[in-house]
Amino acid sequence: MSTKTRALTRVLLRDDLRDWSTLIFTFIFPSVLLVVLILTIADRVPGMDLTGEISSNVIAFGASFVGIFSGASHLATWRENGMFTVMRTFPLSSRTVLTCQARSGVVMLIT
């Protein structure tokens, strides 16, 4: 991994960690959703343990949400503050920027 890619990934990850909405919808919302679904469905279906099926779906939801939400919020923020015009002068391709965004999302997903 080159120095440019590593630096941009670090910046994107730091931006994700500073954004309260990304943190809430990445860590707190899926956890609360899992607890609520388990408590409500366990009462309606007696004798069945649906915890595995529910938790795998909530984990998949959280994983997809991290990628979509943080990626879209970065693009919206960059458009608002004029970062796209600044990035045109950088020696980075759009593929590098997307790769760094994907790496940042994977790190957020793993943690």
PDB file of N, CA and C in Angstrom:
ATOM      1  N   MET A   1       0.848  -1.172   0.000  1.00  0.00           N
ATOM      2  CA  MET A   1       0.000   0.000   0.000  1.00  0.00           C
ATOM      3  C   MET A   1       0.897   1.240   0.000  1.00  0.00           C
ATOM      4  N   SER A   2       0.593   2.144  -0.870  1.00  0.00           N
ATOM      5  CA  SER A   2       1.423   3.340  -0.988  1.00  0.00           C
ATOM      6  C   SER A   2       1.132   4.324   0.140  1.00  0.00           C
ATOM      7  N   THR A   3       1.992   5.295   0.248  1.00  0.00           N
ATOM      8  CA  THR A   3       1.852   6.301   1.297  1.00  0.00           C
ATOM      9  C   THR A   3       0.599   7.144   1.093  1.00  0.00           C
ATOM     10  N   LYS A   4       0.285   7.472  -0.172  1.00  0.00           N
ATOM     11  CA  LYS A   4      -0.914   8.273  -0.455  1.00  0.00           C
ATOM     12  C   LYS A   4      -2.174   7.519  -0.054  1.00  0.00           C
ATOM     13  N   THR A   5      -2.220   6.241  -0.400  1.00  0.00           N
ATOM     14  CA  THR A   5      -3.397   5.428  -0.080  1.00  0.00           C
ATOM     15  C   THR A   5      -3.550   5.273   1.426  1.00  0.00           C
ATOM     16  N   ARG A   6      -2.458   5.029   2.103  1.00  0.00           N
ATOM     17  CA  ARG A   6      -2.505   4.867   3.560  1.00  0.00           C
ATOM     18  C   ARG A   6      -2.946   6.163   4.237  1.00  0.00           C
ATOM     19  N   ALA A   7      -2.445   7.288   3.770  1.00  0.00           N
ATOM     20  CA  ALA A   7      -2.803   8.577   4.374  1.00  0.00           C
ATOM     21  C   ALA A   7      -4.278   8.903   4.150  1.00  0.00           C
ATOM     22  N   LEU A   8      -4.782   8.663   2.930  1.00  0.00           N
ATOM     23  CA  LEU A   8      -6.194   8.947   2.661  1.00  0.00           C
ATOM     24  C   LEU A   8      -7.106   8.016   3.450  1.00  0.00           C
ATOM     25  N   THR A   9      -6.724   6.746   3.572  1.00  0.00           N
ATOM     26  CA  THR A   9      -7.517   5.807   4.381  1.00  0.00           C
ATOM     27  C   THR A   9      -7.566   6.262   5.830  1.00  0.00           C
ATOM     28  N   ARG A  10      -6.436   6.725   6.356  1.00  0.00           N
ATOM     29  CA  ARG A  10      -6.382   7.203   7.734  1.00  0.00           C
ATOM     30  C   ARG A  10      -7.274   8.430   7.928  1.00  0.00           C
ATOM     31  N   VAL A  11      -7.267   9.336   6.957  1.00  0.00           N
ATOM     32  CA  VAL A  11      -8.107  10.538   7.043  1.00  0.00           C
ATOM     33  C   VAL A  11      -9.588  10.162   7.011  1.00  0.00           C
ATOM     34  N   LEU A  12      -9.965   9.254   6.122  1.00  0.00           N
ATOM     35  CA  LEU A  12     -11.367   8.837   6.031  1.00  0.00           C
ATOM     36  C   LEU A  12     -11.816   8.124   7.303  1.00  0.00           C
ATOM     37  N   LEU A  13     -10.952   7.290   7.858  1.00  0.00           N
ATOM     38  CA  LEU A  13     -11.291   6.588   9.092  1.00  0.00           C
ATOM     39  C   LEU A  13     -11.431   7.562  10.254  1.00  0.00           C
ATOM     40  N   ARG A  14     -10.546   8.537  10.325  1.00  0.00           N
ATOM     41  CA  ARG A  14     -10.636   9.549  11.381  1.00  0.00           C
ATOM     42  C   ARG A  14     -11.919  10.366  11.243  1.00  0.00           C
ATOM     43  N   ASP A  15     -12.303  10.645  10.009  1.00  0.00           N
ATOM     44  CA  ASP A  15     -13.546  11.378   9.775  1.00  0.00           C
ATOM     45  C   ASP A  15     -14.750  10.540  10.210  1.00  0.00           C
ATOM     46  N   ASP A  16     -14.707   9.241   9.948  1.00  0.00           N
ATOM     47  CA  ASP A  16     -15.795   8.361  10.396  1.00  0.00           C
ATOM     48  C   ASP A  16     -15.879   8.307  11.913  1.00  0.00           C
ATOM     49  N   LEU A  17     -14.756   8.270  12.584  1.00  0.00           N
ATOM     50  CA  LEU A  17     -14.757   8.186  14.037  1.00  0.00           C
ATOM     51  C   LEU A  17     -15.191   9.494  14.697  1.00  0.00           C
ATOM     52  N   ARG A  18     -15.064  10.606  14.004  1.00  0.00           N
ATOM     53  CA  ARG A  18     -15.490  11.894  14.553  1.00  0.00           C
ATOM     54  C   ARG A  18     -16.952  12.209  14.269  1.00  0.00           C
ATOM     55  N   ASP A  19     -17.544  11.509  13.333  1.00  0.00           N
ATOM     56  CA  ASP A  19     -18.929  11.772  12.951  1.00  0.00           C
ATOM     57  C   ASP A  19     -19.859  11.000  13.880  1.00  0.00           C
ATOM     58  N   TRP A  20     -20.666  11.701  14.649  1.00  0.00           N
ATOM     59  CA  TRP A  20     -21.524  11.041  15.636  1.00  0.00           C
ATOM     60  C   TRP A  20     -22.601  10.199  14.974  1.00  0.00           C
ATOM     61  N   SER A  21     -23.130  10.646  13.843  1.00  0.00           N
ATOM     62  CA  SER A  21     -24.206   9.880  13.209  1.00  0.00           C
ATOM     63  C   SER A  21     -23.689   8.547  12.659  1.00  0.00           C
ATOM     64  N   THR A  22     -22.472   8.540  12.131  1.00  0.00           N
ATOM     65  CA  THR A  22     -21.898   7.280  11.670  1.00  0.00           C
ATOM     66  C   THR A  22     -21.686   6.332  12.830  1.00  0.00           C
ATOM     67  N   LEU A  23     -21.211   6.838  13.940  1.00  0.00           N
ATOM     68  CA  LEU A  23     -20.992   5.977  15.105  1.00  0.00           C
ATOM     69  C   LEU A  23     -22.306   5.422  15.651  1.00  0.00           C
ATOM     70  N   ILE A  24     -23.330   6.261  15.708  1.00  0.00           N
ATOM     71  CA  ILE A  24     -24.621   5.794  16.222  1.00  0.00           C
ATOM     72  C   ILE A  24     -25.207   4.715  15.319  1.00  0.00           C
ATOM     73  N   PHE A  25     -25.233   4.970  14.011  1.00  0.00           N
ATOM     74  CA  PHE A  25     -25.852   4.019  13.104  1.00  0.00           C
ATOM     75  C   PHE A  25     -24.969   2.813  12.802  1.00  0.00           C
ATOM     76  N   THR A  26     -23.694   2.866  13.173  1.00  0.00           N
ATOM     77  CA  THR A  26     -22.822   1.721  12.982  1.00  0.00           C
ATOM     78  C   THR A  26     -22.839   0.799  14.183  1.00  0.00           C
ATOM     79  N   PHE A  27     -22.809   1.342  15.386  1.00  0.00           N
ATOM     80  CA  PHE A  27     -22.658   0.509  16.571  1.00  0.00           C
ATOM     81  C   PHE A  27     -23.914   0.431  17.433  1.00  0.00           C
ATOM     82  N   ILE A  28     -24.555   1.551  17.710  1.00  0.00           N
ATOM     83  CA  ILE A  28     -25.669   1.557  18.665  1.00  0.00           C
ATOM     84  C   ILE A  28     -26.965   1.071  18.027  1.00  0.00           C
ATOM     85  N   PHE A  29     -27.319   1.579  16.859  1.00  0.00           N
ATOM     86  CA  PHE A  29     -28.587   1.212  16.241  1.00  0.00           C
ATOM     87  C   PHE A  29     -28.707  -0.284  15.940  1.00  0.00           C
ATOM     88  N   PRO A  30     -27.699  -0.943  15.343  1.00  0.00           N
ATOM     89  CA  PRO A  30     -27.842  -2.390  15.133  1.00  0.00           C
ATOM     90  C   PRO A  30     -27.949  -3.188  16.434  1.00  0.00           C
ATOM     91  N   SER A  31     -27.250  -2.748  17.479  1.00  0.00           N
ATOM     92  CA  SER A  31     -27.336  -3.453  18.762  1.00  0.00           C
ATOM     93  C   SER A  31     -28.727  -3.329  19.367  1.00  0.00           C
ATOM     94  N   VAL A  32     -29.267  -2.111  19.342  1.00  0.00           N
ATOM     95  CA  VAL A  32     -30.620  -1.894  19.871  1.00  0.00           C
ATOM     96  C   VAL A  32     -31.648  -2.650  19.030  1.00  0.00           C
ATOM     97  N   LEU A  33     -31.476  -2.627  17.726  1.00  0.00           N
ATOM     98  CA  LEU A  33     -32.386  -3.354  16.842  1.00  0.00           C
ATOM     99  C   LEU A  33     -32.363  -4.848  17.132  1.00  0.00           C
ATOM    100  N   LEU A  34     -31.189  -5.398  17.363  1.00  0.00           N
ATOM    101  CA  LEU A  34     -31.067  -6.820  17.685  1.00  0.00           C
ATOM    102  C   LEU A  34     -31.785  -7.162  18.980  1.00  0.00           C
ATOM    103  N   VAL A  35     -31.582  -6.361  20.007  1.00  0.00           N
ATOM    104  CA  VAL A  35     -32.235  -6.617  21.303  1.00  0.00           C
ATOM    105  C   VAL A  35     -33.749  -6.506  21.177  1.00  0.00           C
ATOM    106  N   VAL A  36     -34.233  -5.484  20.495  1.00  0.00           N
ATOM    107  CA  VAL A  36     -35.681  -5.292  20.345  1.00  0.00           C
ATOM    108  C   VAL A  36     -36.299  -6.441  19.553  1.00  0.00           C
ATOM    109  N   LEU A  37     -35.671  -6.836  18.465  1.00  0.00           N
ATOM    110  CA  LEU A  37     -36.220  -7.932  17.670  1.00  0.00           C
ATOM    111  C   LEU A  37     -36.234  -9.245  18.431  1.00  0.00           C
ATOM    112  N   ILE A  38     -35.186  -9.529  19.162  1.00  0.00           N
ATOM    113  CA  ILE A  38     -35.148 -10.779  19.934  1.00  0.00           C
ATOM    114  C   ILE A  38     -36.210 -10.774  21.021  1.00  0.00           C
ATOM    115  N   LEU A  39     -36.366  -9.652  21.698  1.00  0.00           N
ATOM    116  CA  LEU A  39     -37.366  -9.598  22.769  1.00  0.00           C
ATOM    117  C   LEU A  39     -38.798  -9.668  22.240  1.00  0.00           C
ATOM    118  N   THR A  40     -39.077  -9.053  21.111  1.00  0.00           N
ATOM    119  CA  THR A  40     -40.445  -9.070  20.601  1.00  0.00           C
ATOM    120  C   THR A  40     -40.787 -10.375  19.906  1.00  0.00           C
ATOM    121  N   ILE A  41     -39.869 -10.957  19.180  1.00  0.00           N
ATOM    122  CA  ILE A  41     -40.177 -12.196  18.465  1.00  0.00           C
ATOM    123  C   ILE A  41     -40.156 -13.398  19.403  1.00  0.00           C
ATOM    124  N   ALA A  42     -39.338 -13.360  20.436  1.00  0.00           N
ATOM    125  CA  ALA A  42     -39.291 -14.481  21.370  1.00  0.00           C
ATOM    126  C   ALA A  42     -40.626 -14.668  22.076  1.00  0.00           C
ATOM    127  N   ASP A  43     -41.365 -13.591  22.314  1.00  0.00           N
ATOM    128  CA  ASP A  43     -42.666 -13.696  22.971  1.00  0.00           C
ATOM    129  C   ASP A  43     -43.731 -14.262  22.033  1.00  0.00           C
ATOM    130  N   ARG A  44     -43.629 -14.017  20.751  1.00  0.00           N
ATOM    131  CA  ARG A  44     -44.672 -14.420  19.806  1.00  0.00           C
ATOM    132  C   ARG A  44     -44.535 -15.849  19.313  1.00  0.00           C
ATOM    133  N   VAL A  45     -43.324 -16.381  19.319  1.00  0.00           N
ATOM    134  CA  VAL A  45     -43.099 -17.743  18.831  1.00  0.00           C
ATOM    135  C   VAL A  45     -42.543 -18.561  19.991  1.00  0.00           C
ATOM    136  N   PRO A  46     -43.423 -19.171  20.768  1.00  0.00           N
ATOM    137  CA  PRO A  46     -42.938 -19.927  21.920  1.00  0.00           C
ATOM    138  C   PRO A  46     -42.260 -21.232  21.482  1.00  0.00           C
ATOM    139  N   GLY A  47     -41.184 -21.559  22.161  1.00  0.00           N
ATOM    140  CA  GLY A  47     -40.490 -22.809  21.896  1.00  0.00           C
ATOM    141  C   GLY A  47     -39.493 -22.751  20.751  1.00  0.00           C
ATOM    142  N   MET A  48     -39.354 -21.621  20.086  1.00  0.00           N
ATOM    143  CA  MET A  48     -38.402 -21.518  18.973  1.00  0.00           C
ATOM    144  C   MET A  48     -37.317 -20.511  19.317  1.00  0.00           C
ATOM    145  N   ASP A  49     -36.095 -20.857  18.942  1.00  0.00           N
ATOM    146  CA  ASP A  49     -34.972 -19.950  19.175  1.00  0.00           C
ATOM    147  C   ASP A  49     -34.566 -19.327  17.849  1.00  0.00           C
ATOM    148  N   LEU A  50     -34.950 -18.087  17.651  1.00  0.00           N
ATOM    149  CA  LEU A  50     -34.665 -17.382  16.410  1.00  0.00           C
ATOM    150  C   LEU A  50     -33.485 -16.425  16.540  1.00  0.00           C
ATOM    151  N   THR A  51     -32.718 -16.568  17.609  1.00  0.00           N
ATOM    152  CA  THR A  51     -31.626 -15.626  17.857  1.00  0.00           C
ATOM    153  C   THR A  51     -30.578 -15.671  16.756  1.00  0.00           C
ATOM    154  N   GLY A  52     -30.222 -16.854  16.280  1.00  0.00           N
ATOM    155  CA  GLY A  52     -29.204 -16.976  15.235  1.00  0.00           C
ATOM    156  C   GLY A  52     -29.614 -16.320  13.939  1.00  0.00           C
ATOM    157  N   GLU A  53     -30.854 -16.563  13.515  1.00  0.00           N
ATOM    158  CA  GLU A  53     -31.336 -15.977  12.270  1.00  0.00           C
ATOM    159  C   GLU A  53     -31.454 -14.460  12.368  1.00  0.00           C
ATOM    160  N   ILE A  54     -31.935 -13.986  13.489  1.00  0.00           N
ATOM    161  CA  ILE A  54     -32.099 -12.540  13.659  1.00  0.00           C
ATOM    162  C   ILE A  54     -30.744 -11.858  13.735  1.00  0.00           C
ATOM    163  N   SER A  55     -29.820 -12.437  14.492  1.00  0.00           N
ATOM    164  CA  SER A  55     -28.523 -11.778  14.651  1.00  0.00           C
ATOM    165  C   SER A  55     -27.736 -11.759  13.340  1.00  0.00           C
ATOM    166  N   SER A  56     -27.838 -12.808  12.543  1.00  0.00           N
ATOM    167  CA  SER A  56     -27.117 -12.788  11.262  1.00  0.00           C
ATOM    168  C   SER A  56     -27.695 -11.722  10.327  1.00  0.00           C
ATOM    169  N   ASN A  57     -29.002 -11.542  10.350  1.00  0.00           N
ATOM    170  CA  ASN A  57     -29.610 -10.498   9.521  1.00  0.00           C
ATOM    171  C   ASN A  57     -29.239  -9.097   9.995  1.00  0.00           C
ATOM    172  N   VAL A  58     -29.188  -8.896  11.299  1.00  0.00           N
ATOM    173  CA  VAL A  58     -28.830  -7.582  11.829  1.00  0.00           C
ATOM    174  C   VAL A  58     -27.359  -7.280  11.547  1.00  0.00           C
ATOM    175  N   ILE A  59     -26.495  -8.294  11.612  1.00  0.00           N
ATOM    176  CA  ILE A  59     -25.082  -8.089  11.285  1.00  0.00           C
ATOM    177  C   ILE A  59     -24.927  -7.724   9.811  1.00  0.00           C
ATOM    178  N   ALA A  60     -25.664  -8.403   8.941  1.00  0.00           N
ATOM    179  CA  ALA A  60     -25.611  -8.073   7.513  1.00  0.00           C
ATOM    180  C   ALA A  60     -26.141  -6.661   7.259  1.00  0.00           C
ATOM    181  N   PHE A  61     -27.202  -6.286   7.965  1.00  0.00           N
ATOM    182  CA  PHE A  61     -27.734  -4.925   7.846  1.00  0.00           C
ATOM    183  C   PHE A  61     -26.695  -3.909   8.283  1.00  0.00           C
ATOM    184  N   GLY A  62     -26.043  -4.158   9.408  1.00  0.00           N
ATOM    185  CA  GLY A  62     -25.022  -3.234   9.906  1.00  0.00           C
ATOM    186  C   GLY A  62     -23.854  -3.110   8.951  1.00  0.00           C
ATOM    187  N   ALA A  63     -23.441  -4.226   8.357  1.00  0.00           N
ATOM    188  CA  ALA A  63     -22.314  -4.198   7.424  1.00  0.00           C
ATOM    189  C   ALA A  63     -22.649  -3.394   6.175  1.00  0.00           C
ATOM    190  N   SER A  64     -23.818  -3.616   5.631  1.00  0.00           N
ATOM    191  CA  SER A  64     -24.188  -2.869   4.426  1.00  0.00           C
ATOM    192  C   SER A  64     -24.419  -1.394   4.738  1.00  0.00           C
ATOM    193  N   PHE A  65     -24.951  -1.116   5.909  1.00  0.00           N
ATOM    194  CA  PHE A  65     -25.230   0.259   6.279  1.00  0.00           C
ATOM    195  C   PHE A  65     -23.957   1.066   6.463  1.00  0.00           C
ATOM    196  N   VAL A  66     -22.923   0.422   7.032  1.00  0.00           N
ATOM    197  CA  VAL A  66     -21.640   1.112   7.221  1.00  0.00           C
ATOM    198  C   VAL A  66     -21.100   1.588   5.881  1.00  0.00           C
ATOM    199  N   GLY A  67     -21.099   0.711   4.901  1.00  0.00           N
ATOM    200  CA  GLY A  67     -20.556   1.070   3.601  1.00  0.00           C
ATOM    201  C   GLY A  67     -21.356   2.135   2.888  1.00  0.00           C
ATOM    202  N   ILE A  68     -22.651   1.984   2.918  1.00  0.00           N
ATOM    203  CA  ILE A  68     -23.502   2.921   2.191  1.00  0.00           C
ATOM    204  C   ILE A  68     -23.557   4.279   2.895  1.00  0.00           C
ATOM    205  N   PHE A  69     -23.760   4.278   4.187  1.00  0.00           N
ATOM    206  CA  PHE A  69     -23.943   5.537   4.915  1.00  0.00           C
ATOM    207  C   PHE A  69     -22.661   6.347   4.970  1.00  0.00           C
ATOM    208  N   SER A  70     -21.550   5.719   5.346  1.00  0.00           N
ATOM    209  CA  SER A  70     -20.320   6.496   5.470  1.00  0.00           C
ATOM    210  C   SER A  70     -19.822   6.952   4.104  1.00  0.00           C
ATOM    211  N   GLY A  71     -19.973   6.107   3.086  1.00  0.00           N
ATOM    212  CA  GLY A  71     -19.561   6.519   1.744  1.00  0.00           C
ATOM    213  C   GLY A  71     -20.370   7.694   1.234  1.00  0.00           C
ATOM    214  N   ALA A  72     -21.666   7.628   1.424  1.00  0.00           N
ATOM    215  CA  ALA A  72     -22.529   8.724   0.966  1.00  0.00           C
ATOM    216  C   ALA A  72     -22.299   9.996   1.766  1.00  0.00           C
ATOM    217  N   SER A  73     -22.052   9.856   3.058  1.00  0.00           N
ATOM    218  CA  SER A  73     -21.815  11.062   3.853  1.00  0.00           C
ATOM    219  C   SER A  73     -20.489  11.727   3.471  1.00  0.00           C
ATOM    220  N   HIS A  74     -19.470  10.924   3.138  1.00  0.00           N
ATOM    221  CA  HIS A  74     -18.212  11.519   2.675  1.00  0.00           C
ATOM    222  C   HIS A  74     -18.422  12.274   1.367  1.00  0.00           C
ATOM    223  N   LEU A  75     -19.137  11.669   0.439  1.00  0.00           N
ATOM    224  CA  LEU A  75     -19.368  12.326  -0.846  1.00  0.00           C
ATOM    225  C   LEU A  75     -20.171  13.617  -0.681  1.00  0.00           C
ATOM    226  N   ALA A  76     -21.177  13.593   0.177  1.00  0.00           N
ATOM    227  CA  ALA A  76     -21.986  14.796   0.402  1.00  0.00           C
ATOM    228  C   ALA A  76     -21.165  15.899   1.069  1.00  0.00           C
ATOM    229  N   THR A  77     -20.350  15.526   2.032  1.00  0.00           N
ATOM    230  CA  THR A  77     -19.513  16.511   2.710  1.00  0.00           C
ATOM    231  C   THR A  77     -18.491  17.108   1.751  1.00  0.00           C
ATOM    232  N   TRP A  78     -17.892  16.254   0.927  1.00  0.00           N
ATOM    233  CA  TRP A  78     -16.897  16.740  -0.026  1.00  0.00           C
ATOM    234  C   TRP A  78     -17.533  17.667  -1.057  1.00  0.00           C
ATOM    235  N   ARG A  79     -18.757  17.385  -1.429  1.00  0.00           N
ATOM    236  CA  ARG A  79     -19.419  18.259  -2.398  1.00  0.00           C
ATOM    237  C   ARG A  79     -19.732  19.618  -1.769  1.00  0.00           C
ATOM    238  N   GLU A  80     -20.172  19.612  -0.500  1.00  0.00           N
ATOM    239  CA  GLU A  80     -20.506  20.860   0.182  1.00  0.00           C
ATOM    240  C   GLU A  80     -19.291  21.755   0.386  1.00  0.00           C
ATOM    241  N   ASN A  81     -18.181  21.173   0.827  1.00  0.00           N
ATOM    242  CA  ASN A  81     -17.037  22.019   1.172  1.00  0.00           C
ATOM    243  C   ASN A  81     -16.038  22.190   0.027  1.00  0.00           C
ATOM    244  N   GLY A  82     -16.360  21.718  -1.165  1.00  0.00           N
ATOM    245  CA  GLY A  82     -15.511  21.944  -2.326  1.00  0.00           C
ATOM    246  C   GLY A  82     -14.300  21.037  -2.415  1.00  0.00           C
ATOM    247  N   MET A  83     -14.335  19.913  -1.718  1.00  0.00           N
ATOM    248  CA  MET A  83     -13.196  19.007  -1.733  1.00  0.00           C
ATOM    249  C   MET A  83     -12.986  18.357  -3.101  1.00  0.00           C
ATOM    250  N   PHE A  84     -14.047  18.194  -3.871  1.00  0.00           N
ATOM    251  CA  PHE A  84     -13.895  17.592  -5.198  1.00  0.00           C
ATOM    252  C   PHE A  84     -13.010  18.453  -6.102  1.00  0.00           C
ATOM    253  N   THR A  85     -13.168  19.755  -6.021  1.00  0.00           N
ATOM    254  CA  THR A  85     -12.321  20.621  -6.847  1.00  0.00           C
ATOM    255  C   THR A  85     -10.870  20.579  -6.375  1.00  0.00           C
ATOM    256  N   VAL A  86     -10.671  20.442  -5.077  1.00  0.00           N
ATOM    257  CA  VAL A  86      -9.316  20.328  -4.555  1.00  0.00           C
ATOM    258  C   VAL A  86      -8.701  18.985  -4.952  1.00  0.00           C
ATOM    259  N   MET A  87      -9.512  17.927  -4.917  1.00  0.00           N
ATOM    260  CA  MET A  87      -8.990  16.588  -5.213  1.00  0.00           C
ATOM    261  C   MET A  87      -8.621  16.421  -6.684  1.00  0.00           C
ATOM    262  N   ARG A  88      -9.147  17.263  -7.542  1.00  0.00           N
ATOM    263  CA  ARG A  88      -8.763  17.187  -8.958  1.00  0.00           C
ATOM    264  C   ARG A  88      -7.286  17.514  -9.157  1.00  0.00           C
ATOM    265  N   THR A  89      -6.728  18.303  -8.255  1.00  0.00           N
ATOM    266  CA  THR A  89      -5.312  18.654  -8.371  1.00  0.00           C
ATOM    267  C   THR A  89      -4.397  17.614  -7.730  1.00  0.00           C
ATOM    268  N   PHE A  90      -4.955  16.689  -6.952  1.00  0.00           N
ATOM    269  CA  PHE A  90      -4.149  15.650  -6.309  1.00  0.00           C
ATOM    270  C   PHE A  90      -3.755  14.584  -7.320  1.00  0.00           C
ATOM    271  N   PRO A  91      -2.642  13.926  -7.104  1.00  0.00           N
ATOM    272  CA  PRO A  91      -2.240  12.836  -8.003  1.00  0.00           C
ATOM    273  C   PRO A  91      -2.904  11.512  -7.621  1.00  0.00           C
ATOM    274  N   LEU A  92      -4.217  11.546  -7.402  1.00  0.00           N
ATOM    275  CA  LEU A  92      -4.974  10.349  -7.031  1.00  0.00           C
ATOM    276  C   LEU A  92      -6.055  10.098  -8.068  1.00  0.00           C
ATOM    277  N   SER A  93      -6.242   8.844  -8.402  1.00  0.00           N
ATOM    278  CA  SER A  93      -7.326   8.496  -9.318  1.00  0.00           C
ATOM    279  C   SER A  93      -8.605   8.278  -8.516  1.00  0.00           C
ATOM    280  N   SER A  94      -9.720   8.260  -9.203  1.00  0.00           N
ATOM    281  CA  SER A  94     -10.990   7.998  -8.513  1.00  0.00           C
ATOM    282  C   SER A  94     -11.016   6.587  -7.965  1.00  0.00           C
ATOM    283  N   ARG A  95     -10.330   5.673  -8.616  1.00  0.00           N
ATOM    284  CA  ARG A  95     -10.239   4.293  -8.124  1.00  0.00           C
ATOM    285  C   ARG A  95      -9.513   4.243  -6.773  1.00  0.00           C
ATOM    286  N   THR A  96      -8.478   5.039  -6.605  1.00  0.00           N
ATOM    287  CA  THR A  96      -7.754   5.082  -5.335  1.00  0.00           C
ATOM    288  C   THR A  96      -8.640   5.627  -4.225  1.00  0.00           C
ATOM    289  N   VAL A  97      -9.400   6.662  -4.515  1.00  0.00           N
ATOM    290  CA  VAL A  97     -10.285   7.246  -3.506  1.00  0.00           C
ATOM    291  C   VAL A  97     -11.351   6.234  -3.088  1.00  0.00           C
ATOM    292  N   LEU A  98     -11.936   5.528  -4.053  1.00  0.00           N
ATOM    293  CA  LEU A  98     -12.943   4.518  -3.727  1.00  0.00           C
ATOM    294  C   LEU A  98     -12.343   3.351  -2.959  1.00  0.00           C
ATOM    295  N   THR A  99     -11.117   2.964  -3.300  1.00  0.00           N
ATOM    296  CA  THR A  99     -10.443   1.892  -2.565  1.00  0.00           C
ATOM    297  C   THR A  99     -10.192   2.304  -1.123  1.00  0.00           C
ATOM    298  N   CYS A 100      -9.770   3.525  -0.916  1.00  0.00           N
ATOM    299  CA  CYS A 100      -9.547   4.012   0.449  1.00  0.00           C
ATOM    300  C   CYS A 100     -10.847   4.083   1.235  1.00  0.00           C
ATOM    301  N   GLN A 101     -11.927   4.480   0.574  1.00  0.00           N
ATOM    302  CA  GLN A 101     -13.238   4.512   1.237  1.00  0.00           C
ATOM    303  C   GLN A 101     -13.676   3.105   1.614  1.00  0.00           C
ATOM    304  N   ALA A 102     -13.431   2.143   0.745  1.00  0.00           N
ATOM    305  CA  ALA A 102     -13.788   0.753   1.043  1.00  0.00           C
ATOM    306  C   ALA A 102     -12.960   0.222   2.208  1.00  0.00           C
ATOM    307  N   ARG A 103     -11.693   0.537   2.236  1.00  0.00           N
ATOM    308  CA  ARG A 103     -10.845   0.091   3.353  1.00  0.00           C
ATOM    309  C   ARG A 103     -11.293   0.710   4.663  1.00  0.00           C
ATOM    310  N   SER A 104     -11.653   1.971   4.627  1.00  0.00           N
ATOM    311  CA  SER A 104     -12.151   2.627   5.831  1.00  0.00           C
ATOM    312  C   SER A 104     -13.435   1.964   6.320  1.00  0.00           C
ATOM    313  N   GLY A 105     -14.325   1.621   5.401  1.00  0.00           N
ATOM    314  CA  GLY A 105     -15.565   0.932   5.778  1.00  0.00           C
ATOM    315  C   GLY A 105     -15.314  -0.443   6.360  1.00  0.00           C
ATOM    316  N   VAL A 106     -14.336  -1.164   5.814  1.00  0.00           N
ATOM    317  CA  VAL A 106     -14.008  -2.504   6.331  1.00  0.00           C
ATOM    318  C   VAL A 106     -13.437  -2.392   7.751  1.00  0.00           C
ATOM    319  N   VAL A 107     -12.595  -1.403   7.991  1.00  0.00           N
ATOM    320  CA  VAL A 107     -12.055  -1.225   9.325  1.00  0.00           C
ATOM    321  C   VAL A 107     -13.165  -0.882  10.319  1.00  0.00           C
ATOM    322  N   MET A 108     -14.088  -0.022   9.921  1.00  0.00           N
ATOM    323  CA  MET A 108     -15.224   0.292  10.794  1.00  0.00           C
ATOM    324  C   MET A 108     -16.095  -0.934  11.034  1.00  0.00           C
ATOM    325  N   LEU A 109     -16.229  -1.777  10.022  1.00  0.00           N
ATOM    326  CA  LEU A 109     -17.027  -2.976  10.167  1.00  0.00           C
ATOM    327  C   LEU A 109     -16.390  -3.980  11.105  1.00  0.00           C
ATOM    328  N   ILE A 110     -15.080  -4.135  11.018  1.00  0.00           N
ATOM    329  CA  ILE A 110     -14.373  -5.110  11.853  1.00  0.00           C
ATOM    330  C   ILE A 110     -14.358  -4.679  13.315  1.00  0.00           C
ATOM    331  N   THR A 111     -14.242  -3.384  13.559  1.00  0.00           N
ATOM    332  CA  THR A 111     -14.203  -2.924  14.945  1.00  0.00           C
ATOM    333  C   THR A 111     -15.573  -2.959  15.476  1.00  0.00           C
TER     334      THR A 111
END
